[in-house]
């Protein structure tokens, strides 16, 4: 069994900074010739020694889950209210923009 690398390669650290643990494991395997198990253990050990590199499981693309849920909710509300707003303007007895009022002959 190979020993863990004394110094982690820079590209592995950069992958961990981006929250890409699997990528870091693969990079370490390629760089050091470790097995999957050895590389995984080495990366996890490194993360224990450098907790600022660990990302919570609830992140998506570096943003928290609440960020994405809030964004989706706000976009949905924007779509909902923009539809109601345009329906409200058209429902005031005014023709939509570009439409001329004509007498259709109905009494």
N, C-alpha and C. Protein backbone atom coordinates (compact mmCIF):
# COMPACT_ATOMS: atom_id res chain seq x y z
N UNK A 1 0.84 -1.18 0.00
CA UNK A 1 0.00 0.00 0.00
C UNK A 1 0.89 1.24 0.00
N UNK A 2 0.59 2.18 -0.89
CA UNK A 2 1.34 3.42 -0.96
C UNK A 2 1.02 4.31 0.23
N UNK A 3 1.99 5.13 0.62
CA UNK A 3 1.74 6.11 1.67
C UNK A 3 1.01 7.29 1.06
N UNK A 4 0.27 8.02 1.91
CA UNK A 4 -0.39 9.22 1.43
C UNK A 4 0.67 10.24 1.04
N UNK A 5 0.38 11.03 0.03
CA UNK A 5 1.38 12.04 -0.36
C UNK A 5 1.56 13.04 0.77
N UNK A 6 2.84 13.44 0.98
CA UNK A 6 3.11 14.41 2.04
C UNK A 6 2.51 15.77 1.68
N UNK A 7 2.61 16.13 0.42
CA UNK A 7 2.02 17.38 -0.06
C UNK A 7 1.00 17.05 -1.15
N UNK A 8 -0.14 17.67 -1.04
CA UNK A 8 -1.20 17.44 -2.03
C UNK A 8 -0.88 18.25 -3.29
N UNK A 9 -0.98 17.66 -4.48
CA UNK A 9 -0.74 18.41 -5.71
C UNK A 9 -1.68 19.61 -5.84
N UNK A 10 -1.18 20.66 -6.45
CA UNK A 10 -1.95 21.91 -6.56
C UNK A 10 -3.28 21.72 -7.28
N UNK A 11 -3.30 20.90 -8.33
CA UNK A 11 -4.55 20.73 -9.07
C UNK A 11 -5.60 20.00 -8.22
N UNK A 12 -5.15 19.15 -7.31
CA UNK A 12 -6.08 18.46 -6.40
C UNK A 12 -6.67 19.47 -5.42
N UNK A 13 -5.82 20.34 -4.90
CA UNK A 13 -6.30 21.37 -3.96
C UNK A 13 -7.27 22.31 -4.66
N UNK A 14 -6.97 22.69 -5.90
CA UNK A 14 -7.88 23.58 -6.65
C UNK A 14 -9.23 22.91 -6.86
N UNK A 15 -9.24 21.61 -7.14
CA UNK A 15 -10.51 20.89 -7.30
C UNK A 15 -11.29 20.88 -5.99
N UNK A 16 -10.61 20.71 -4.88
CA UNK A 16 -11.28 20.72 -3.58
C UNK A 16 -11.82 22.11 -3.25
N UNK A 17 -11.10 23.15 -3.63
CA UNK A 17 -11.57 24.52 -3.41
C UNK A 17 -12.86 24.80 -4.18
N UNK A 18 -13.02 24.14 -5.32
CA UNK A 18 -14.24 24.29 -6.12
C UNK A 18 -15.35 23.35 -5.66
N UNK A 19 -15.05 22.54 -4.62
CA UNK A 19 -16.05 21.60 -4.13
C UNK A 19 -16.16 20.35 -4.98
N UNK A 20 -15.15 20.02 -5.75
CA UNK A 20 -15.17 18.88 -6.67
C UNK A 20 -14.34 17.73 -6.10
N UNK A 21 -14.88 17.07 -5.09
CA UNK A 21 -14.16 16.02 -4.39
C UNK A 21 -13.84 14.83 -5.31
N UNK A 22 -14.80 14.41 -6.12
CA UNK A 22 -14.57 13.27 -7.01
C UNK A 22 -13.46 13.60 -8.02
N UNK A 23 -13.48 14.82 -8.53
CA UNK A 23 -12.43 15.24 -9.46
C UNK A 23 -11.08 15.21 -8.77
N UNK A 24 -11.03 15.67 -7.51
CA UNK A 24 -9.78 15.67 -6.75
C UNK A 24 -9.26 14.25 -6.57
N UNK A 25 -10.14 13.32 -6.29
CA UNK A 25 -9.74 11.92 -6.11
C UNK A 25 -9.15 11.37 -7.41
N UNK A 26 -9.81 11.64 -8.52
CA UNK A 26 -9.30 11.16 -9.81
C UNK A 26 -7.96 11.80 -10.16
N UNK A 27 -7.83 13.10 -9.90
CA UNK A 27 -6.56 13.77 -10.17
C UNK A 27 -5.44 13.19 -9.32
N UNK A 28 -5.74 12.89 -8.06
CA UNK A 28 -4.73 12.30 -7.18
C UNK A 28 -4.34 10.90 -7.64
N UNK A 29 -5.32 10.13 -8.10
CA UNK A 29 -5.03 8.79 -8.62
C UNK A 29 -4.06 8.88 -9.80
N UNK A 30 -4.36 9.80 -10.73
CA UNK A 30 -3.52 9.95 -11.91
C UNK A 30 -2.12 10.46 -11.54
N UNK A 31 -2.07 11.41 -10.62
CA UNK A 31 -0.81 12.05 -10.25
C UNK A 31 0.10 11.14 -9.45
N UNK A 32 -0.48 10.36 -8.52
CA UNK A 32 0.32 9.57 -7.60
C UNK A 32 0.29 8.07 -7.88
N UNK A 33 -0.57 7.64 -8.82
CA UNK A 33 -0.67 6.22 -9.11
C UNK A 33 -1.31 5.42 -7.99
N UNK A 34 -2.25 6.04 -7.28
CA UNK A 34 -2.92 5.38 -6.17
C UNK A 34 -4.15 4.62 -6.64
N UNK A 35 -4.58 3.66 -5.83
CA UNK A 35 -5.85 2.99 -6.12
C UNK A 35 -6.98 3.95 -5.76
N UNK A 36 -8.18 3.62 -6.17
CA UNK A 36 -9.34 4.46 -5.86
C UNK A 36 -9.50 4.60 -4.34
N UNK A 37 -9.38 3.49 -3.64
CA UNK A 37 -9.54 3.52 -2.18
C UNK A 37 -8.47 4.39 -1.53
N UNK A 38 -7.22 4.24 -1.97
CA UNK A 38 -6.12 5.02 -1.40
C UNK A 38 -6.30 6.52 -1.67
N UNK A 39 -6.68 6.84 -2.89
CA UNK A 39 -6.86 8.25 -3.24
C UNK A 39 -8.02 8.85 -2.46
N UNK A 40 -9.11 8.09 -2.31
CA UNK A 40 -10.27 8.57 -1.55
C UNK A 40 -9.89 8.82 -0.10
N UNK A 41 -9.18 7.88 0.49
CA UNK A 41 -8.74 8.04 1.89
C UNK A 41 -7.80 9.23 2.04
N UNK A 42 -6.90 9.42 1.08
CA UNK A 42 -5.96 10.54 1.15
C UNK A 42 -6.69 11.87 1.06
N UNK A 43 -7.66 11.97 0.15
CA UNK A 43 -8.42 13.21 0.00
C UNK A 43 -9.25 13.48 1.25
N UNK A 44 -9.89 12.45 1.78
CA UNK A 44 -10.70 12.63 2.99
C UNK A 44 -9.84 13.02 4.18
N UNK A 45 -8.65 12.45 4.28
CA UNK A 45 -7.72 12.81 5.36
C UNK A 45 -7.29 14.27 5.19
N UNK A 46 -7.01 14.67 3.97
CA UNK A 46 -6.62 16.06 3.70
C UNK A 46 -7.76 17.01 4.07
N UNK A 47 -8.99 16.62 3.75
CA UNK A 47 -10.14 17.47 4.09
C UNK A 47 -10.33 17.58 5.60
N UNK A 48 -10.02 16.52 6.34
CA UNK A 48 -10.11 16.60 7.80
C UNK A 48 -9.10 17.59 8.36
N UNK A 49 -7.92 17.64 7.74
CA UNK A 49 -6.88 18.57 8.17
C UNK A 49 -7.13 19.99 7.69
N UNK A 50 -7.96 20.14 6.66
CA UNK A 50 -8.27 21.46 6.07
C UNK A 50 -9.79 21.61 5.95
N UNK A 51 -10.48 21.79 7.08
CA UNK A 51 -11.95 21.80 7.07
C UNK A 51 -12.56 22.94 6.25
N UNK A 52 -11.83 24.01 6.01
CA UNK A 52 -12.37 25.11 5.21
C UNK A 52 -12.63 24.70 3.76
N UNK A 53 -12.03 23.59 3.33
CA UNK A 53 -12.24 23.12 1.96
C UNK A 53 -13.48 22.25 1.81
N UNK A 54 -14.03 21.79 2.95
CA UNK A 54 -15.22 20.94 2.89
C UNK A 54 -16.43 21.77 2.55
N UNK A 55 -17.26 21.25 1.69
CA UNK A 55 -18.52 21.90 1.32
C UNK A 55 -19.65 21.08 1.91
N UNK A 56 -20.70 21.78 2.31
CA UNK A 56 -21.85 21.04 2.83
C UNK A 56 -22.55 20.31 1.69
N UNK A 57 -23.26 19.27 2.01
CA UNK A 57 -23.94 18.47 0.98
C UNK A 57 -25.11 19.21 0.35
N UNK A 58 -25.57 20.28 0.97
CA UNK A 58 -26.73 21.02 0.46
C UNK A 58 -26.38 22.12 -0.51
N UNK A 59 -25.20 22.08 -1.12
CA UNK A 59 -24.83 23.13 -2.05
C UNK A 59 -25.02 22.68 -3.48
N UNK A 60 -25.42 23.59 -4.30
CA UNK A 60 -25.58 23.34 -5.72
C UNK A 60 -24.79 24.40 -6.47
N UNK A 61 -23.70 24.01 -7.10
CA UNK A 61 -22.92 24.96 -7.83
C UNK A 61 -22.32 26.05 -6.97
N UNK A 62 -22.02 25.76 -5.73
CA UNK A 62 -21.44 26.74 -4.84
C UNK A 62 -22.45 27.60 -4.13
N UNK A 63 -23.70 27.54 -4.51
CA UNK A 63 -24.75 28.29 -3.84
C UNK A 63 -25.55 27.33 -2.98
N UNK A 64 -26.06 27.84 -1.88
CA UNK A 64 -26.86 27.01 -0.98
C UNK A 64 -28.19 26.63 -1.61
N UNK A 65 -28.74 25.57 -1.10
CA UNK A 65 -30.03 25.08 -1.58
C UNK A 65 -31.10 26.15 -1.41
N UNK A 66 -31.06 26.89 -0.30
CA UNK A 66 -32.06 27.94 -0.06
C UNK A 66 -31.97 29.04 -1.12
N UNK A 67 -30.77 29.33 -1.57
CA UNK A 67 -30.61 30.32 -2.63
C UNK A 67 -31.38 29.91 -3.88
N UNK A 68 -31.20 28.67 -4.31
CA UNK A 68 -31.86 28.19 -5.52
C UNK A 68 -33.37 28.10 -5.35
N UNK A 69 -33.82 27.64 -4.19
CA UNK A 69 -35.26 27.56 -3.95
C UNK A 69 -35.88 28.96 -3.95
N UNK A 70 -35.21 29.91 -3.34
CA UNK A 70 -35.71 31.29 -3.33
C UNK A 70 -35.74 31.86 -4.74
N UNK A 71 -34.70 31.62 -5.51
CA UNK A 71 -34.65 32.11 -6.89
C UNK A 71 -35.80 31.53 -7.72
N UNK A 72 -36.05 30.25 -7.60
CA UNK A 72 -37.14 29.61 -8.34
C UNK A 72 -38.49 30.19 -7.91
N UNK A 73 -38.69 30.38 -6.62
CA UNK A 73 -39.93 30.97 -6.12
C UNK A 73 -40.13 32.38 -6.66
N UNK A 74 -39.09 33.19 -6.62
CA UNK A 74 -39.20 34.56 -7.12
C UNK A 74 -39.49 34.60 -8.62
N UNK A 75 -38.86 33.72 -9.38
CA UNK A 75 -39.13 33.67 -10.82
C UNK A 75 -40.58 33.24 -11.08
N UNK A 76 -41.06 32.28 -10.31
CA UNK A 76 -42.45 31.85 -10.46
C UNK A 76 -43.42 32.97 -10.15
N UNK A 77 -43.16 33.72 -9.07
CA UNK A 77 -44.02 34.85 -8.72
C UNK A 77 -43.97 35.94 -9.79
N UNK A 78 -42.80 36.17 -10.34
CA UNK A 78 -42.66 37.17 -11.41
C UNK A 78 -43.49 36.78 -12.62
N UNK A 79 -43.44 35.52 -13.01
CA UNK A 79 -44.22 35.05 -14.15
C UNK A 79 -45.71 35.15 -13.85
N UNK A 80 -46.11 34.75 -12.65
CA UNK A 80 -47.51 34.79 -12.25
C UNK A 80 -48.05 36.22 -12.28
N UNK A 81 -47.34 37.13 -11.65
CA UNK A 81 -47.82 38.51 -11.57
C UNK A 81 -47.69 39.26 -12.88
N UNK A 82 -46.73 38.92 -13.71
CA UNK A 82 -46.65 39.59 -15.01
C UNK A 82 -47.84 39.19 -15.88
N UNK A 83 -48.30 37.95 -15.75
CA UNK A 83 -49.49 37.52 -16.49
C UNK A 83 -50.75 38.22 -15.98
N UNK A 84 -50.86 38.35 -14.68
CA UNK A 84 -52.02 39.03 -14.10
C UNK A 84 -52.00 40.52 -14.42
N UNK A 85 -50.83 41.12 -14.42
CA UNK A 85 -50.71 42.53 -14.71
C UNK A 85 -51.14 42.82 -16.14
N UNK A 86 -50.69 42.02 -17.08
CA UNK A 86 -51.08 42.26 -18.48
C UNK A 86 -52.56 41.97 -18.68
N UNK A 87 -53.13 40.99 -17.97
CA UNK A 87 -54.56 40.71 -18.07
C UNK A 87 -55.36 41.85 -17.47
N UNK A 88 -54.87 42.44 -16.39
CA UNK A 88 -55.56 43.56 -15.75
C UNK A 88 -55.58 44.79 -16.61
N UNK A 89 -54.52 45.06 -17.34
CA UNK A 89 -54.47 46.22 -18.24
C UNK A 89 -55.44 46.03 -19.39
N UNK A 90 -55.47 44.83 -19.95
CA UNK A 90 -56.35 44.57 -21.08
C UNK A 90 -57.82 44.54 -20.64
N UNK A 91 -58.09 44.19 -19.39
CA UNK A 91 -59.45 44.07 -18.91
C UNK A 91 -60.09 45.39 -18.50
N UNK A 92 -59.43 46.53 -18.65
CA UNK A 92 -59.95 47.83 -18.25
C UNK A 92 -60.77 48.51 -19.33
N UNK A 93 -61.13 47.82 -20.35
CA UNK A 93 -61.90 48.42 -21.43
C UNK A 93 -61.03 49.10 -22.47
N UNK A 94 -59.73 49.00 -22.30
CA UNK A 94 -58.82 49.59 -23.27
C UNK A 94 -58.35 48.46 -24.19
N UNK A 95 -58.26 48.76 -25.45
CA UNK A 95 -57.77 47.71 -26.35
C UNK A 95 -56.29 47.47 -26.11
N UNK A 96 -55.82 46.27 -26.38
CA UNK A 96 -54.40 46.01 -26.28
C UNK A 96 -53.63 46.92 -27.24
N UNK A 97 -52.39 47.15 -26.97
CA UNK A 97 -51.59 48.04 -27.81
C UNK A 97 -51.61 47.57 -29.26
N UNK A 98 -51.83 48.52 -30.15
CA UNK A 98 -51.81 48.23 -31.58
C UNK A 98 -53.14 47.76 -32.15
N UNK A 99 -54.20 47.66 -31.32
CA UNK A 99 -55.48 47.20 -31.78
C UNK A 99 -56.44 48.40 -31.78
N UNK A 100 -57.05 48.68 -32.91
CA UNK A 100 -57.97 49.82 -33.03
C UNK A 100 -59.37 49.37 -32.65
N UNK A 101 -60.15 50.27 -31.99
CA UNK A 101 -61.53 49.98 -31.64
C UNK A 101 -62.39 50.21 -32.88
N UNK A 102 -63.19 49.26 -33.23
CA UNK A 102 -64.09 49.41 -34.39
C UNK A 102 -65.50 49.05 -33.96
N UNK A 103 -66.47 49.60 -34.65
CA UNK A 103 -67.87 49.27 -34.39
C UNK A 103 -68.21 48.02 -35.19
N UNK A 104 -68.51 46.94 -34.50
CA UNK A 104 -68.79 45.67 -35.18
C UNK A 104 -70.24 45.55 -35.58
N UNK A 105 -71.07 46.52 -35.24
CA UNK A 105 -72.46 46.47 -35.64
C UNK A 105 -73.35 45.72 -34.68
N UNK A 106 -72.85 45.32 -33.52
CA UNK A 106 -73.69 44.65 -32.53
C UNK A 106 -74.39 45.68 -31.67
N UNK A 107 -75.68 45.43 -31.32
CA UNK A 107 -76.35 46.36 -30.45
C UNK A 107 -76.77 45.71 -29.17
